[in-house]
């Protein structure tokens, strides 16, 4: 699982701040998450409700895609959406917020830790990750 705990947790100030908080930092991942929810509902007949429990189903979906040996390029957008969905689950469960820097999107939990659910979705596709476990870790007390 990807946890970022470097100097990012201390925050940045002034005009050098590379990260932004809601609403601007959240706009893209929230849209990606909503698209993933709609796609899963329409294509896979799977209802995602932004609960931590729903991430178990998302991990299974990604595992199924991996087993079908789909090329990464063909599923990259879907993985981004499913990772953003997991990030939104973490935001809602923890009271966290989306941050962005250099085009990457992170979730910052109230304890200052940063999480990368979009990269975790990619790791799931590679067979070495779990959005459910990432959420569990992100929402647990440090």
N, C-alpha and C. Protein backbone atom coordinates (compact mmCIF):
# COMPACT_ATOMS: atom_id res chain seq x y z
N UNK A 1 0.83 -1.17 0.00
CA UNK A 1 0.00 0.00 0.00
C UNK A 1 0.88 1.24 0.00
N UNK A 2 0.41 2.29 -0.63
CA UNK A 2 1.20 3.49 -0.76
C UNK A 2 0.76 4.51 0.27
N UNK A 3 1.66 4.84 1.16
CA UNK A 3 1.44 5.90 2.13
C UNK A 3 2.58 6.88 1.96
N UNK A 4 2.27 8.13 1.90
CA UNK A 4 3.30 9.14 1.77
C UNK A 4 3.35 9.90 3.08
N UNK A 5 4.49 9.86 3.73
CA UNK A 5 4.58 10.53 5.02
C UNK A 5 5.80 11.45 5.10
N UNK A 6 6.31 11.84 3.97
CA UNK A 6 7.48 12.71 3.96
C UNK A 6 7.09 14.12 4.38
N UNK A 7 7.85 15.09 4.00
CA UNK A 7 7.63 16.48 4.37
C UNK A 7 6.28 17.02 3.99
N UNK A 8 5.54 16.29 3.20
CA UNK A 8 4.21 16.76 2.79
C UNK A 8 3.31 16.98 3.98
N UNK A 9 3.47 16.18 5.02
CA UNK A 9 2.54 16.27 6.14
C UNK A 9 2.66 17.58 6.90
N UNK A 10 3.79 18.25 6.79
CA UNK A 10 3.94 19.51 7.51
C UNK A 10 3.25 20.66 6.79
N UNK A 11 2.85 20.42 5.55
CA UNK A 11 2.12 21.45 4.80
C UNK A 11 3.06 22.47 4.17
N UNK A 12 2.49 23.31 3.36
CA UNK A 12 3.23 24.34 2.65
C UNK A 12 2.49 25.64 2.85
N UNK A 13 3.17 26.74 2.72
CA UNK A 13 2.50 28.02 2.89
C UNK A 13 2.87 28.96 1.76
N UNK A 14 2.09 30.00 1.64
CA UNK A 14 2.39 31.04 0.66
C UNK A 14 2.22 30.60 -0.76
N UNK A 15 2.92 31.31 -1.65
CA UNK A 15 2.76 31.04 -3.07
C UNK A 15 3.50 29.80 -3.52
N UNK A 16 4.31 29.19 -2.67
CA UNK A 16 5.02 27.99 -3.07
C UNK A 16 4.20 26.72 -2.87
N UNK A 17 2.99 26.86 -2.41
CA UNK A 17 2.14 25.71 -2.10
C UNK A 17 1.78 24.92 -3.35
N UNK A 18 2.27 23.65 -3.47
CA UNK A 18 1.93 22.86 -4.64
C UNK A 18 0.58 22.17 -4.51
N UNK A 19 0.03 22.08 -3.32
CA UNK A 19 -1.23 21.39 -3.17
C UNK A 19 -2.40 22.36 -2.97
N UNK A 20 -3.56 21.89 -3.34
CA UNK A 20 -4.78 22.68 -3.20
C UNK A 20 -5.80 21.80 -2.50
N UNK A 21 -6.68 22.39 -1.74
CA UNK A 21 -7.71 21.61 -1.08
C UNK A 21 -9.05 21.86 -1.73
N UNK A 22 -10.08 21.17 -1.28
CA UNK A 22 -11.41 21.33 -1.87
C UNK A 22 -11.76 22.79 -2.00
N UNK A 23 -12.49 23.16 -3.00
CA UNK A 23 -13.07 22.27 -4.00
C UNK A 23 -12.18 21.98 -5.19
N UNK A 24 -11.19 22.81 -5.50
CA UNK A 24 -10.46 22.63 -6.76
C UNK A 24 -9.68 21.32 -6.82
N UNK A 25 -9.03 20.91 -5.76
CA UNK A 25 -8.26 19.66 -5.80
C UNK A 25 -9.17 18.44 -5.90
N UNK A 26 -10.38 18.58 -5.41
CA UNK A 26 -11.31 17.45 -5.39
C UNK A 26 -12.08 17.29 -6.69
N UNK A 27 -12.14 18.32 -7.49
CA UNK A 27 -13.03 18.31 -8.66
C UNK A 27 -12.78 17.12 -9.58
N UNK A 28 -11.55 16.89 -9.98
CA UNK A 28 -11.28 15.80 -10.91
C UNK A 28 -11.48 14.43 -10.28
N UNK A 29 -10.87 14.13 -9.11
CA UNK A 29 -11.08 12.79 -8.56
C UNK A 29 -12.53 12.50 -8.18
N UNK A 30 -13.27 13.51 -7.75
CA UNK A 30 -14.69 13.29 -7.44
C UNK A 30 -15.44 12.93 -8.72
N UNK A 31 -15.12 13.58 -9.82
CA UNK A 31 -15.75 13.26 -11.10
C UNK A 31 -15.35 11.86 -11.57
N UNK A 32 -14.05 11.53 -11.43
CA UNK A 32 -13.59 10.19 -11.81
C UNK A 32 -14.31 9.13 -10.99
N UNK A 33 -14.47 9.38 -9.70
CA UNK A 33 -15.15 8.42 -8.82
C UNK A 33 -16.61 8.25 -9.25
N UNK A 34 -17.29 9.36 -9.52
CA UNK A 34 -18.69 9.29 -9.95
C UNK A 34 -18.82 8.54 -11.26
N UNK A 35 -17.89 8.75 -12.18
CA UNK A 35 -17.90 8.01 -13.45
C UNK A 35 -17.72 6.51 -13.21
N UNK A 36 -16.83 6.16 -12.27
CA UNK A 36 -16.61 4.74 -11.95
C UNK A 36 -17.86 4.12 -11.35
N UNK A 37 -18.53 4.85 -10.47
CA UNK A 37 -19.78 4.36 -9.87
C UNK A 37 -20.81 4.11 -10.96
N UNK A 38 -20.97 5.04 -11.88
CA UNK A 38 -21.93 4.89 -12.97
C UNK A 38 -21.56 3.72 -13.88
N UNK A 39 -20.29 3.59 -14.21
CA UNK A 39 -19.83 2.51 -15.07
C UNK A 39 -20.07 1.15 -14.42
N UNK A 40 -19.75 1.04 -13.14
CA UNK A 40 -19.96 -0.23 -12.43
C UNK A 40 -21.45 -0.57 -12.34
N UNK A 41 -22.27 0.44 -12.13
CA UNK A 41 -23.71 0.21 -12.04
C UNK A 41 -24.27 -0.25 -13.38
N UNK A 42 -23.86 0.44 -14.46
CA UNK A 42 -24.41 0.15 -15.78
C UNK A 42 -23.76 -1.07 -16.42
N UNK A 43 -22.45 -1.17 -16.32
CA UNK A 43 -21.73 -2.23 -17.02
C UNK A 43 -21.67 -3.54 -16.25
N UNK A 44 -21.40 -3.47 -14.97
CA UNK A 44 -21.22 -4.69 -14.17
C UNK A 44 -22.41 -4.96 -13.24
N UNK A 45 -23.39 -4.07 -13.28
CA UNK A 45 -24.55 -4.18 -12.39
C UNK A 45 -24.12 -4.29 -10.93
N UNK A 46 -23.12 -3.48 -10.59
CA UNK A 46 -22.56 -3.46 -9.25
C UNK A 46 -22.81 -2.08 -8.65
N UNK A 47 -23.50 -2.04 -7.55
CA UNK A 47 -23.80 -0.76 -6.89
C UNK A 47 -22.70 -0.45 -5.88
N UNK A 48 -22.10 0.70 -6.06
CA UNK A 48 -21.09 1.18 -5.12
C UNK A 48 -21.69 2.33 -4.32
N UNK A 49 -21.58 2.26 -3.01
CA UNK A 49 -22.27 3.21 -2.14
C UNK A 49 -21.32 4.09 -1.30
N UNK A 50 -20.05 4.14 -1.67
CA UNK A 50 -19.05 4.94 -0.96
C UNK A 50 -18.82 4.46 0.47
N UNK A 51 -19.07 3.18 0.72
CA UNK A 51 -18.78 2.61 2.03
C UNK A 51 -17.45 1.86 1.97
N UNK A 52 -16.81 1.73 3.12
CA UNK A 52 -15.55 0.98 3.18
C UNK A 52 -15.78 -0.47 2.74
N UNK A 53 -16.94 -1.03 3.05
CA UNK A 53 -17.24 -2.41 2.68
C UNK A 53 -17.30 -2.58 1.16
N UNK A 54 -17.70 -1.55 0.45
CA UNK A 54 -17.80 -1.66 -1.01
C UNK A 54 -16.43 -1.84 -1.67
N UNK A 55 -15.37 -1.47 -0.96
CA UNK A 55 -14.03 -1.60 -1.55
C UNK A 55 -13.61 -3.06 -1.70
N UNK A 56 -14.21 -3.94 -0.92
CA UNK A 56 -13.95 -5.37 -1.10
C UNK A 56 -14.39 -5.78 -2.51
N UNK A 57 -15.55 -5.29 -2.94
CA UNK A 57 -16.05 -5.59 -4.29
C UNK A 57 -15.17 -4.97 -5.36
N UNK A 58 -14.68 -3.74 -5.09
CA UNK A 58 -13.82 -3.07 -6.06
C UNK A 58 -12.51 -3.85 -6.22
N UNK A 59 -11.94 -4.32 -5.11
CA UNK A 59 -10.72 -5.14 -5.21
C UNK A 59 -10.99 -6.38 -6.06
N UNK A 60 -12.15 -6.99 -5.91
CA UNK A 60 -12.49 -8.18 -6.70
C UNK A 60 -12.64 -7.84 -8.18
N UNK A 61 -13.23 -6.69 -8.48
CA UNK A 61 -13.37 -6.26 -9.87
C UNK A 61 -11.99 -6.09 -10.51
N UNK A 62 -11.10 -5.41 -9.80
CA UNK A 62 -9.75 -5.19 -10.34
C UNK A 62 -9.03 -6.52 -10.50
N UNK A 63 -9.20 -7.42 -9.55
CA UNK A 63 -8.58 -8.75 -9.65
C UNK A 63 -9.11 -9.49 -10.88
N UNK A 64 -10.40 -9.37 -11.14
CA UNK A 64 -10.97 -10.01 -12.32
C UNK A 64 -10.41 -9.45 -13.61
N UNK A 65 -10.24 -8.14 -13.65
CA UNK A 65 -9.65 -7.50 -14.83
C UNK A 65 -8.22 -8.00 -15.04
N UNK A 66 -7.48 -8.10 -13.94
CA UNK A 66 -6.09 -8.58 -14.01
C UNK A 66 -6.05 -10.01 -14.53
N UNK A 67 -6.94 -10.85 -14.03
CA UNK A 67 -6.97 -12.25 -14.45
C UNK A 67 -7.29 -12.41 -15.93
N UNK A 68 -8.07 -11.48 -16.47
CA UNK A 68 -8.39 -11.50 -17.89
C UNK A 68 -7.21 -11.05 -18.74
N UNK A 69 -6.14 -10.61 -18.06
CA UNK A 69 -4.91 -10.17 -18.72
C UNK A 69 -5.15 -9.02 -19.69
N UNK A 70 -6.02 -8.11 -19.28
CA UNK A 70 -6.27 -6.91 -20.09
C UNK A 70 -5.00 -6.06 -20.11
N UNK A 71 -4.66 -5.48 -21.24
CA UNK A 71 -3.49 -4.59 -21.28
C UNK A 71 -3.74 -3.35 -20.43
N UNK A 72 -2.70 -2.90 -19.75
CA UNK A 72 -2.83 -1.74 -18.85
C UNK A 72 -3.45 -0.54 -19.57
N UNK A 73 -3.01 -0.28 -20.79
CA UNK A 73 -3.51 0.88 -21.54
C UNK A 73 -5.03 0.82 -21.71
N UNK A 74 -5.57 -0.39 -21.79
CA UNK A 74 -7.01 -0.54 -22.00
C UNK A 74 -7.81 -0.28 -20.72
N UNK A 75 -7.17 -0.40 -19.56
CA UNK A 75 -7.90 -0.27 -18.30
C UNK A 75 -7.41 0.90 -17.44
N UNK A 76 -6.48 1.66 -17.95
CA UNK A 76 -5.89 2.77 -17.18
C UNK A 76 -6.94 3.74 -16.65
N UNK A 77 -7.88 4.15 -17.48
CA UNK A 77 -8.91 5.10 -17.05
C UNK A 77 -9.82 4.48 -16.00
N UNK A 78 -10.18 3.21 -16.18
CA UNK A 78 -11.02 2.53 -15.19
C UNK A 78 -10.30 2.43 -13.85
N UNK A 79 -9.02 2.11 -13.88
CA UNK A 79 -8.25 2.02 -12.63
C UNK A 79 -8.17 3.38 -11.94
N UNK A 80 -7.98 4.43 -12.72
CA UNK A 80 -7.95 5.77 -12.14
C UNK A 80 -9.28 6.08 -11.45
N UNK A 81 -10.38 5.72 -12.10
CA UNK A 81 -11.70 5.96 -11.53
C UNK A 81 -11.94 5.15 -10.26
N UNK A 82 -11.53 3.89 -10.27
CA UNK A 82 -11.71 3.06 -9.09
C UNK A 82 -10.82 3.51 -7.95
N UNK A 83 -9.62 3.98 -8.27
CA UNK A 83 -8.75 4.55 -7.24
C UNK A 83 -9.34 5.83 -6.66
N UNK A 84 -9.89 6.66 -7.53
CA UNK A 84 -10.53 7.89 -7.06
C UNK A 84 -11.74 7.57 -6.21
N UNK A 85 -12.48 6.53 -6.58
CA UNK A 85 -13.61 6.09 -5.76
C UNK A 85 -13.12 5.71 -4.36
N UNK A 86 -12.05 4.93 -4.28
CA UNK A 86 -11.50 4.55 -2.98
C UNK A 86 -11.06 5.79 -2.21
N UNK A 87 -10.48 6.75 -2.91
CA UNK A 87 -10.09 7.99 -2.25
C UNK A 87 -11.28 8.73 -1.67
N UNK A 88 -12.37 8.75 -2.41
CA UNK A 88 -13.59 9.41 -1.92
C UNK A 88 -14.15 8.67 -0.71
N UNK A 89 -14.05 7.34 -0.71
CA UNK A 89 -14.47 6.57 0.46
C UNK A 89 -13.65 7.00 1.67
N UNK A 90 -12.34 7.13 1.49
CA UNK A 90 -11.45 7.53 2.59
C UNK A 90 -11.79 8.95 3.05
N UNK A 91 -11.98 9.86 2.10
CA UNK A 91 -12.32 11.25 2.44
C UNK A 91 -13.59 11.29 3.28
N UNK A 92 -14.61 10.58 2.84
CA UNK A 92 -15.90 10.60 3.54
C UNK A 92 -15.82 9.92 4.90
N UNK A 93 -15.06 8.83 4.99
CA UNK A 93 -14.98 8.09 6.25
C UNK A 93 -14.09 8.77 7.28
N UNK A 94 -13.09 9.50 6.80
CA UNK A 94 -12.12 10.08 7.74
C UNK A 94 -12.27 11.58 7.95
N UNK A 95 -13.03 12.23 7.07
CA UNK A 95 -13.07 13.69 7.12
C UNK A 95 -11.85 14.30 6.47
N UNK A 96 -11.19 13.52 5.63
CA UNK A 96 -9.99 13.98 4.94
C UNK A 96 -10.32 14.89 3.77
N UNK A 97 -9.31 15.16 2.97
CA UNK A 97 -9.48 16.05 1.82
C UNK A 97 -8.54 15.64 0.70
N UNK A 98 -8.93 15.98 -0.52
CA UNK A 98 -8.09 15.73 -1.68
C UNK A 98 -7.03 16.82 -1.77
N UNK A 99 -5.83 16.41 -2.13
CA UNK A 99 -4.73 17.33 -2.41
C UNK A 99 -4.21 16.98 -3.79
N UNK A 100 -3.63 17.97 -4.44
CA UNK A 100 -3.04 17.71 -5.75
C UNK A 100 -1.70 18.40 -5.84
N UNK A 101 -0.80 17.76 -6.53
CA UNK A 101 0.52 18.33 -6.79
C UNK A 101 1.06 17.71 -8.06
N UNK A 102 1.53 18.53 -8.95
CA UNK A 102 2.13 18.05 -10.19
C UNK A 102 1.24 17.11 -10.98
N UNK A 103 -0.06 17.27 -10.91
CA UNK A 103 -0.98 16.41 -11.65
C UNK A 103 -1.38 15.14 -10.91
N UNK A 104 -0.73 14.84 -9.78
CA UNK A 104 -1.10 13.68 -8.98
C UNK A 104 -2.13 14.10 -7.94
N UNK A 105 -2.97 13.17 -7.56
CA UNK A 105 -4.02 13.44 -6.58
C UNK A 105 -3.83 12.52 -5.37
N UNK A 106 -3.89 13.10 -4.20
CA UNK A 106 -3.66 12.40 -2.94
C UNK A 106 -4.82 12.69 -2.01
N UNK A 107 -4.99 11.84 -1.01
CA UNK A 107 -5.93 12.10 0.06
C UNK A 107 -5.13 12.38 1.32
N UNK A 108 -5.46 13.48 1.96
CA UNK A 108 -4.82 13.83 3.23
C UNK A 108 -5.84 13.58 4.33
N UNK A 109 -5.52 12.68 5.26
CA UNK A 109 -6.41 12.40 6.37
C UNK A 109 -6.16 13.44 7.46
N UNK A 110 -7.11 13.63 8.37
CA UNK A 110 -6.98 14.67 9.39
C UNK A 110 -5.73 14.58 10.25
N UNK A 111 -5.13 13.39 10.34
CA UNK A 111 -3.90 13.24 11.12
C UNK A 111 -2.66 13.68 10.35
N UNK A 112 -2.84 14.16 9.13
CA UNK A 112 -1.73 14.68 8.34
C UNK A 112 -1.09 13.70 7.38
N UNK A 113 -1.51 12.44 7.43
CA UNK A 113 -0.93 11.45 6.52
C UNK A 113 -1.50 11.63 5.12
N UNK A 114 -0.69 11.32 4.12
CA UNK A 114 -1.12 11.38 2.72
C UNK A 114 -1.19 9.97 2.16
N UNK A 115 -2.21 9.74 1.35
CA UNK A 115 -2.47 8.43 0.77
C UNK A 115 -2.67 8.59 -0.73
N UNK A 116 -2.28 7.58 -1.48
CA UNK A 116 -2.37 7.62 -2.93
C UNK A 116 -3.27 6.47 -3.43
N UNK A 117 -4.58 6.64 -3.35
CA UNK A 117 -5.47 5.55 -3.75
C UNK A 117 -5.46 5.25 -5.24
N UNK A 118 -5.14 6.23 -6.06
CA UNK A 118 -5.11 5.99 -7.50
C UNK A 118 -3.93 5.07 -7.84
N UNK A 119 -2.79 5.33 -7.22
CA UNK A 119 -1.66 4.43 -7.42
C UNK A 119 -1.94 3.06 -6.81
N UNK A 120 -2.66 3.03 -5.70
CA UNK A 120 -3.00 1.74 -5.09
C UNK A 120 -3.86 0.90 -6.03
N UNK A 121 -4.76 1.53 -6.78
CA UNK A 121 -5.56 0.79 -7.76
C UNK A 121 -4.64 0.18 -8.83
N UNK A 122 -3.63 0.92 -9.23
CA UNK A 122 -2.66 0.38 -10.20
C UNK A 122 -1.91 -0.81 -9.60
N UNK A 123 -1.56 -0.68 -8.32
CA UNK A 123 -0.87 -1.78 -7.63
C UNK A 123 -1.79 -3.01 -7.53
N UNK A 124 -3.07 -2.78 -7.31
CA UNK A 124 -4.04 -3.90 -7.28
C UNK A 124 -4.02 -4.62 -8.62
N UNK A 125 -4.02 -3.85 -9.70
CA UNK A 125 -4.01 -4.44 -11.04
C UNK A 125 -2.74 -5.25 -11.26
N UNK A 126 -1.65 -4.81 -10.65
CA UNK A 126 -0.38 -5.53 -10.76
C UNK A 126 -0.34 -6.75 -9.83
N UNK A 127 -1.36 -6.90 -8.98
CA UNK A 127 -1.42 -8.04 -8.07
C UNK A 127 -0.77 -7.78 -6.73
N UNK A 128 -0.50 -6.51 -6.42
CA UNK A 128 0.23 -6.19 -5.19
C UNK A 128 -0.39 -5.00 -4.47
N UNK A 129 -1.69 -5.04 -4.23
CA UNK A 129 -2.33 -3.93 -3.54
C UNK A 129 -3.74 -4.29 -3.14
N UNK A 130 -4.35 -3.42 -2.34
CA UNK A 130 -5.74 -3.61 -1.92
C UNK A 130 -6.32 -2.27 -1.53
N UNK A 131 -7.36 -1.85 -2.21
CA UNK A 131 -8.03 -0.61 -1.86
C UNK A 131 -8.75 -0.74 -0.53
N UNK A 132 -9.26 -1.91 -0.24
CA UNK A 132 -9.92 -2.16 1.04
C UNK A 132 -8.94 -1.99 2.20
N UNK A 133 -7.75 -2.55 2.07
CA UNK A 133 -6.76 -2.44 3.13
C UNK A 133 -6.21 -1.02 3.24
N UNK A 134 -6.08 -0.36 2.10
CA UNK A 134 -5.63 1.03 2.12
C UNK A 134 -6.63 1.88 2.92
N UNK A 135 -7.91 1.68 2.66
CA UNK A 135 -8.95 2.42 3.38
C UNK A 135 -8.90 2.09 4.87
N UNK A 136 -8.75 0.83 5.19
CA UNK A 136 -8.66 0.44 6.59
C UNK A 136 -7.51 1.15 7.29
N UNK A 137 -6.36 1.16 6.64
CA UNK A 137 -5.18 1.81 7.23
C UNK A 137 -5.37 3.34 7.32
N UNK A 138 -5.96 3.92 6.28
CA UNK A 138 -6.13 5.37 6.24
C UNK A 138 -7.12 5.87 7.27
N UNK A 139 -8.11 5.06 7.59
CA UNK A 139 -9.15 5.50 8.52
C UNK A 139 -8.90 5.04 9.95
N UNK A 140 -7.85 4.24 10.16
CA UNK A 140 -7.50 3.79 11.51
C UNK A 140 -6.71 4.88 12.22
N UNK A 141 -6.81 4.87 13.52
CA UNK A 141 -6.03 5.84 14.31
C UNK A 141 -4.55 5.54 14.14
N UNK A 142 -3.72 6.58 14.03
CA UNK A 142 -2.27 6.35 13.81
C UNK A 142 -1.60 5.74 15.03
